[in-house]
């Protein structure tokens, strides 16, 4: 039997979900958004089968509804569900990165026909909007599901089946567990990245060349500060108690670290750095599942036209798939460093041999 799936909110996340499940057999995909130009774009690019500018009309047609709006807007949509008369069962989920306010709103639903299951696909981009949507955005990402008392195991399995084309890895957590963990590994790092950018901006008043000197390390650690400010403001304030606690912990730790620097405690600083390195190196999918484990190969390349294409072409000629490419550092007219990531050690070692045969300097970090 064909199911009708509604994606309510067609930005980066909602659009990417729509692209993931669009061609699934036995699914009729409809989209709702408050922005008419977004709906027009979806129609023009065949992202959904139908579009709706009225939320209630779209919900009445759906068997499954995915709320893919910012947290505060999602809460508003959940409240609107109470005002919509449903004549059949509706499974409702969301994609918000803060679960507690979502689950509190869901607990106030009076409609017996609604089965609510919280959701959070843990992937994103510094880009925003439907134009940035990608069908592969959630591939190999953790997708958290948070069932409620209104949902059954059968409902969760049905929702998970619909979301299977995302190629995500599903994990079931309660709302508080989810919010504490995502605060630590996602929300708080964004705040710290933004603070580092502000620090550089302030020091630029004294040293005008700071932007020119901001190379690989600074750009890597502050990349997420380029994400959508409106979305992140919403996340921070929806999860403000946990954010405030983490800031307090961070300030205390920085005071202790400052004390070690001020008193010249070299051995303790080294121990601090070694402990951080050991923990970070252990965060891979084979051991903990939080960060995907890839096999990296570092390649020196010259700053010249076609340099990157040549490296990729050599590996493509041997049917080697590259999972990720990152330019760590490159200066005009000077060699730079590529970090190539592979899914397995065999591809990593074979790539090293191929590139070295063509006179590239390579390195595998042990």
Protein backbone atom coordinates (compact mmCIF):
# COMPACT_ATOMS: atom_id res chain seq x y z
CA UNK A 1 0.00 0.00 0.00
CA UNK A 2 1.34 3.41 -0.97
CA UNK A 3 2.18 5.73 1.94
CA UNK A 4 2.01 9.50 1.83
CA UNK A 5 4.97 11.17 3.53
CA UNK A 6 4.91 14.87 4.33
CA UNK A 7 8.12 16.86 4.83
CA UNK A 8 7.09 20.07 6.60
CA UNK A 9 9.92 22.54 6.14
CA UNK A 10 12.02 22.28 2.99
CA UNK A 11 15.34 23.80 3.99
CA UNK A 12 18.70 22.03 4.08
CA UNK A 13 17.58 19.17 6.35
CA UNK A 14 14.02 18.74 5.07
CA UNK A 15 15.11 19.07 1.47
CA UNK A 16 17.88 16.50 1.95
CA UNK A 17 15.43 14.05 3.56
CA UNK A 18 13.03 14.58 0.66
CA UNK A 19 15.79 13.89 -1.87
CA UNK A 20 16.79 10.75 0.05
CA UNK A 21 13.36 9.15 0.07
CA UNK A 22 11.86 10.64 -3.10
CA UNK A 23 12.39 7.63 -5.35
CA UNK A 24 11.39 4.99 -2.78
CA UNK A 25 8.75 2.59 -4.06
CA UNK A 26 5.26 2.96 -2.60
CA UNK A 27 5.86 6.49 -1.25
CA UNK A 28 4.01 9.58 -2.36
CA UNK A 29 6.05 12.55 -1.14
CA UNK A 30 4.46 15.91 -0.38
CA UNK A 31 6.12 19.07 0.88
CA UNK A 32 4.99 22.02 2.97
CA UNK A 33 6.85 25.28 3.48
CA UNK A 34 5.87 28.82 4.43
CA UNK A 35 8.12 30.18 1.68
CA UNK A 36 6.45 30.08 -1.74
CA UNK A 37 9.74 30.44 -3.61
CA UNK A 38 11.03 27.32 -1.83
CA UNK A 39 7.94 25.41 -2.93
CA UNK A 40 8.42 26.65 -6.49
CA UNK A 41 12.04 25.47 -6.43
CA UNK A 42 10.95 22.04 -5.22
CA UNK A 43 8.39 21.76 -8.00
CA UNK A 44 10.83 22.93 -10.63
CA UNK A 45 13.47 20.41 -9.51
CA UNK A 46 11.08 17.50 -8.88
CA UNK A 47 12.12 17.22 -5.22
CA UNK A 48 8.60 16.28 -4.06
CA UNK A 49 5.49 14.98 -5.80
CA UNK A 50 3.19 17.72 -4.48
CA UNK A 51 3.60 21.01 -2.61
CA UNK A 52 1.35 22.70 -0.06
CA UNK A 53 1.38 26.22 1.33
CA UNK A 54 -1.21 25.29 3.98
CA UNK A 55 0.07 23.01 6.76
CA UNK A 56 -3.33 21.61 7.80
CA UNK A 57 -4.22 20.57 4.25
CA UNK A 58 -0.91 18.76 3.86
CA UNK A 59 -1.17 16.99 7.23
CA UNK A 60 -4.64 15.60 6.43
CA UNK A 61 -3.21 13.79 3.40
CA UNK A 62 -0.20 12.31 5.20
CA UNK A 63 0.46 8.95 6.82
CA UNK A 64 3.85 10.11 8.11
CA UNK A 65 4.77 13.73 8.85
CA UNK A 66 8.39 14.86 9.23
CA UNK A 67 8.63 18.27 10.90
CA UNK A 68 11.83 19.74 9.49
CA UNK A 69 11.70 23.32 10.79
CA UNK A 70 13.80 25.18 13.41
CA UNK A 71 13.08 24.15 17.01
CA UNK A 72 10.73 27.01 17.93
CA UNK A 73 8.82 26.67 14.64
CA UNK A 74 8.57 22.91 15.12
CA UNK A 75 7.03 23.44 18.57
CA UNK A 76 4.49 25.78 16.93
CA UNK A 77 3.64 23.17 14.28
CA UNK A 78 3.11 20.52 16.98
CA UNK A 79 0.66 22.83 18.73
CA UNK A 80 -1.14 23.33 15.41
CA UNK A 81 -1.60 19.55 15.14
CA UNK A 82 -4.02 19.77 18.08
CA UNK A 83 -6.31 21.93 15.96
CA UNK A 84 -6.40 19.62 12.94
CA UNK A 85 -9.08 16.91 12.71
CA UNK A 86 -7.52 13.67 11.56
CA UNK A 87 -9.54 10.74 10.26
CA UNK A 88 -6.64 8.25 10.24
CA UNK A 89 -3.47 7.43 12.16
CA UNK A 90 -0.53 9.78 11.64
CA UNK A 91 3.08 9.10 12.64
CA UNK A 92 4.81 12.39 13.41
CA UNK A 93 8.55 12.92 13.83
CA UNK A 94 10.92 15.89 13.81
CA UNK A 95 14.58 16.62 13.05
CA UNK A 96 15.41 19.10 15.82
CA UNK A 97 18.82 18.95 17.48
CA UNK A 98 17.24 19.83 20.85
CA UNK A 99 14.71 17.25 21.96
CA UNK A 100 13.34 18.34 25.36
CA UNK A 101 11.12 21.24 24.17
CA UNK A 102 9.90 19.10 21.27
CA UNK A 103 8.95 16.22 23.54
CA UNK A 104 7.25 18.59 26.00
CA UNK A 105 5.13 19.97 23.17
CA UNK A 106 4.38 16.45 21.89
CA UNK A 107 3.21 15.42 25.37
CA UNK A 108 0.47 18.06 25.12
CA UNK A 109 -1.03 16.53 21.96
CA UNK A 110 -4.65 15.57 22.56
CA UNK A 111 -5.28 13.78 19.27
CA UNK A 112 -5.37 10.01 19.75
CA UNK A 113 -4.59 9.43 16.08
CA UNK A 114 -1.05 10.83 16.42
CA UNK A 115 1.93 8.65 17.21
CA UNK A 116 4.93 10.88 17.98
CA UNK A 117 8.55 9.78 17.66
CA UNK A 118 11.28 12.38 18.14
CA UNK A 119 14.11 12.36 15.63
CA UNK A 120 17.47 13.99 14.97
CA UNK A 121 19.68 13.19 11.94
CA UNK A 122 23.12 14.26 13.17
CA UNK A 123 24.47 15.78 10.00
CA UNK A 124 24.38 19.21 8.44
CA UNK A 125 26.29 21.83 6.51
CA UNK A 126 27.51 25.39 6.90
CA UNK A 127 25.20 26.13 3.96
CA UNK A 128 21.45 26.62 4.32
CA UNK A 129 18.28 26.46 2.27
CA UNK A 130 16.79 24.07 -0.23
CA UNK A 131 19.52 24.84 -2.76
CA UNK A 132 22.07 23.26 -0.40
CA UNK A 133 20.07 20.03 0.05
CA UNK A 134 21.87 16.78 -0.85
CA UNK A 135 20.47 13.28 -1.07
CA UNK A 136 23.59 11.86 0.60
CA UNK A 137 23.74 14.35 3.50
CA UNK A 138 22.85 11.73 6.13
CA UNK A 139 24.80 8.78 4.75
CA UNK A 140 26.60 6.99 7.63
CA UNK A 141 25.42 9.68 10.08
CA UNK A 142 23.89 8.85 13.46
CA UNK A 143 20.08 9.26 13.33
CA UNK A 144 18.63 9.47 16.85
CA UNK A 145 15.05 8.35 17.43
CA UNK A 146 13.21 9.25 20.65
CA UNK A 147 9.96 7.27 21.01
CA UNK A 148 7.12 8.46 23.24
CA UNK A 149 4.32 6.71 25.10
CA UNK A 150 2.06 7.37 22.09
CA UNK A 151 4.25 5.32 19.76
CA UNK A 152 4.70 1.59 19.42
CA UNK A 153 7.68 -0.49 18.32
CA UNK A 154 5.80 -1.11 15.08
CA UNK A 155 5.46 2.66 14.51
CA UNK A 156 9.20 3.15 15.07
CA UNK A 157 10.07 0.31 12.71
CA UNK A 158 7.78 1.76 10.04
CA UNK A 159 9.35 5.22 10.40
CA UNK A 160 12.83 3.74 10.32
CA UNK A 161 11.95 1.82 7.16
CA UNK A 162 10.83 5.05 5.46
CA UNK A 163 14.10 6.71 6.51
CA UNK A 164 16.28 3.77 5.45
CA UNK A 165 17.24 5.40 2.10
CA UNK A 166 19.14 8.07 4.08
CA UNK A 167 21.68 5.29 4.86
CA UNK A 168 21.88 6.58 8.42
CA UNK A 169 22.76 4.57 11.53
CA UNK A 170 19.78 4.60 13.90
CA UNK A 171 20.10 4.97 17.64
CA UNK A 172 17.31 5.14 20.24
CA UNK A 173 17.78 7.63 23.13
CA UNK A 174 15.55 9.48 25.55
CA UNK A 175 15.29 13.27 25.26
CA UNK A 176 17.51 14.18 28.21
CA UNK A 177 20.27 11.74 27.18
CA UNK A 178 20.19 13.17 23.67
CA UNK A 179 20.30 16.81 24.74
CA UNK A 180 23.18 16.33 27.17
CA UNK A 181 25.31 14.46 24.65
CA UNK A 182 24.60 16.76 21.69
CA UNK A 183 25.32 19.77 23.92
CA UNK A 184 28.79 18.40 24.58
CA UNK A 185 29.73 17.23 21.08
CA UNK A 186 27.73 19.59 18.83
CA UNK A 187 26.16 22.69 20.36
CA UNK A 188 28.95 23.74 22.72
CA UNK A 189 31.75 23.33 20.13
CA UNK A 190 29.82 25.71 17.86
CA UNK A 191 29.78 28.32 20.60
CA UNK A 192 33.51 27.87 21.22
CA UNK A 193 34.26 28.14 17.48
CA UNK A 194 32.36 31.42 17.36
CA UNK A 195 34.24 32.73 20.39
CA UNK A 196 37.59 31.89 18.73
CA UNK A 197 36.56 33.86 15.65
CA UNK A 198 35.65 36.82 17.85
CA UNK A 199 39.02 36.61 19.58
CA UNK A 200 40.83 36.71 16.24
CA UNK A 201 38.61 39.59 15.13
CA UNK A 202 39.50 41.58 18.25
CA UNK A 203 43.23 40.92 17.87
CA UNK A 204 43.03 42.01 14.24
CA UNK A 205 42.66 45.58 15.52
CA UNK A 206 46.28 45.30 16.64
CA UNK A 207 47.61 42.92 13.98
CA UNK A 208 46.10 43.56 10.55
CA UNK A 209 47.76 40.47 9.02
CA UNK A 210 45.86 38.00 11.21
CA UNK A 211 43.39 37.06 8.40
CA UNK A 212 46.30 36.28 6.07
CA UNK A 213 47.96 34.10 8.71
CA UNK A 214 44.80 32.16 9.58
CA UNK A 215 45.68 28.86 7.93
CA UNK A 216 44.72 25.19 8.29
CA UNK A 217 44.39 24.74 12.03
CA UNK A 218 42.40 27.90 12.69
CA UNK A 219 40.13 27.30 9.71
CA UNK A 220 39.48 23.68 10.70
CA UNK A 221 38.54 24.46 14.28
CA UNK A 222 36.35 27.47 13.39
CA UNK A 223 34.64 26.10 10.26
CA UNK A 224 31.33 25.50 12.03
CA UNK A 225 31.16 29.17 13.02
CA UNK A 226 30.04 29.77 9.41
CA UNK A 227 26.75 27.92 10.01
CA UNK A 228 23.33 29.58 10.03
CA UNK A 229 23.29 32.08 12.98
CA UNK A 230 19.48 32.15 13.17
CA UNK A 231 19.25 28.39 13.54
CA UNK A 232 22.02 28.24 16.15
CA UNK A 233 20.54 31.07 18.21
CA UNK A 234 17.36 29.00 18.41
CA UNK A 235 19.30 25.89 19.45
CA UNK A 236 21.28 27.67 22.16
CA UNK A 237 18.24 29.20 23.82
CA UNK A 238 16.11 26.06 23.55
CA UNK A 239 18.92 24.23 25.37
CA UNK A 240 20.20 27.14 27.45
CA UNK A 241 20.41 25.40 30.86
CA UNK A 242 22.76 22.74 29.53
CA UNK A 243 24.73 25.32 27.52
CA UNK A 244 25.16 27.49 30.61
CA UNK A 245 26.42 24.53 32.63
CA UNK A 246 28.93 23.60 29.92
CA UNK A 247 30.15 27.20 29.73
CA UNK A 248 30.68 27.17 33.49
CA UNK A 249 32.67 23.92 33.25
CA UNK A 250 34.69 25.34 30.34
CA UNK A 251 35.51 28.59 32.15
CA UNK A 252 36.67 26.62 35.20
CA UNK A 253 38.86 24.37 33.07
CA UNK A 254 40.36 27.33 31.22
CA UNK A 255 41.21 28.96 34.55
CA UNK A 256 43.03 25.79 35.61
CA UNK A 257 44.82 25.64 32.26
CA UNK A 258 45.83 29.30 32.57
CA UNK A 259 47.25 28.53 36.02
CA UNK A 260 49.38 25.73 34.55
CA UNK A 261 50.69 28.11 31.86
CA UNK A 262 51.36 30.94 34.32
CA UNK A 263 53.28 28.71 36.73
CA UNK A 264 55.27 26.96 34.00
CA UNK A 265 53.96 23.44 34.70
CA UNK A 266 55.44 21.90 31.53
CA UNK A 267 54.98 18.27 32.54
CA UNK A 268 51.33 18.82 33.42
CA UNK A 269 50.69 20.69 30.17
CA UNK A 270 52.22 17.81 28.22
CA UNK A 271 50.07 15.34 30.14
CA UNK A 272 46.98 17.48 29.43
CA UNK A 273 47.76 17.49 25.69
CA UNK A 274 48.54 13.76 25.64
CA UNK A 275 45.26 12.91 27.36
CA UNK A 276 43.36 15.04 24.84
CA UNK A 277 45.17 13.38 21.93
CA UNK A 278 44.53 9.87 23.24
CA UNK A 279 40.82 10.53 23.73
CA UNK A 280 40.39 12.24 20.35
CA UNK A 281 42.29 9.49 18.52
CA UNK A 282 39.94 6.93 20.07
CA UNK A 283 36.77 8.57 18.75
CA UNK A 284 36.18 6.42 15.70
CA UNK A 285 33.35 4.21 14.53
CA UNK A 286 35.23 1.00 15.29
CA UNK A 287 35.55 1.93 18.97
CA UNK A 288 32.77 4.31 19.94
CA UNK A 289 30.70 5.18 16.89
CA UNK A 290 30.63 8.95 17.38
CA UNK A 291 33.08 9.90 14.64
CA UNK A 292 33.34 7.85 11.48
CA UNK A 293 36.61 5.98 11.14
CA UNK A 294 38.39 6.74 7.89
CA UNK A 295 41.86 5.82 6.73
CA UNK A 296 43.68 9.04 5.92
CA UNK A 297 46.51 9.65 3.50
CA UNK A 298 48.39 12.97 3.39
CA UNK A 299 49.71 14.07 -0.01
CA UNK A 300 51.96 17.04 -0.83
CA UNK A 301 50.83 18.90 -3.95
CA UNK A 302 51.98 22.04 -5.74
CA UNK A 303 49.80 25.10 -6.18
CA UNK A 304 49.22 24.85 -9.92
CA UNK A 305 46.23 24.35 -12.23
CA UNK A 306 44.99 20.76 -12.36
CA UNK A 307 47.04 19.55 -9.36
CA UNK A 308 44.04 18.22 -7.45
CA UNK A 309 42.45 16.74 -10.57
CA UNK A 310 45.63 14.80 -11.35
CA UNK A 311 45.71 13.16 -7.90
CA UNK A 312 42.03 12.24 -8.05
CA UNK A 313 42.40 10.99 -11.61
CA UNK A 314 45.27 8.66 -10.76
CA UNK A 315 43.20 6.98 -8.05
CA UNK A 316 40.04 6.90 -10.18
CA UNK A 317 42.01 5.04 -12.87
CA UNK A 318 42.46 2.26 -10.30
CA UNK A 319 38.78 2.30 -9.22
CA UNK A 320 39.65 3.66 -5.77
CA UNK A 321 36.83 5.51 -4.04
CA UNK A 322 37.73 8.59 -1.96
CA UNK A 323 35.33 9.29 0.92
CA UNK A 324 36.56 12.79 1.63
CA UNK A 325 39.10 15.31 0.33
CA UNK A 326 40.38 18.18 2.42
CA UNK A 327 42.95 20.83 1.54
CA UNK A 328 44.74 21.38 4.83
CA UNK A 329 47.07 24.14 3.75
CA UNK A 330 48.21 25.68 0.50
CA UNK A 331 49.99 28.93 -0.23
CA UNK A 332 50.34 30.62 -3.59
CA UNK A 333 53.22 29.07 -5.53
CA UNK A 334 54.10 26.68 -2.68
CA UNK A 335 53.29 23.05 -1.92
CA UNK A 336 50.14 22.29 0.01
CA UNK A 337 48.78 19.22 1.76
CA UNK A 338 45.78 17.13 0.79
CA UNK A 339 44.11 14.82 3.27
CA UNK A 340 42.44 11.96 1.41
CA UNK A 341 40.11 9.73 3.42
CA UNK A 342 39.28 6.15 2.47
CA UNK A 343 36.79 3.63 3.82
CA UNK A 344 39.36 0.86 4.32
CA UNK A 345 43.06 0.33 4.90
CA UNK A 346 43.59 -1.49 1.60
CA UNK A 347 42.49 1.57 -0.43
CA UNK A 348 44.67 3.77 1.77
CA UNK A 349 47.83 1.69 1.24
CA UNK A 350 47.16 1.12 -2.46
CA UNK A 351 46.66 4.87 -3.00
CA UNK A 352 49.92 5.58 -1.22
CA UNK A 353 51.78 3.16 -3.52
CA UNK A 354 50.16 4.57 -6.68
CA UNK A 355 50.90 8.19 -5.81
CA UNK A 356 54.47 7.50 -4.71
CA UNK A 357 55.03 5.71 -8.02
CA UNK A 358 54.13 9.03 -9.65
CA UNK A 359 56.63 10.92 -7.44
CA UNK A 360 54.19 12.31 -4.86
CA UNK A 361 55.33 12.66 -1.26
CA UNK A 362 52.79 10.92 0.95
CA UNK A 363 52.38 10.06 4.61
CA UNK A 364 50.15 7.81 6.70
CA UNK A 365 49.79 9.03 10.27
CA UNK A 366 50.21 6.14 12.67
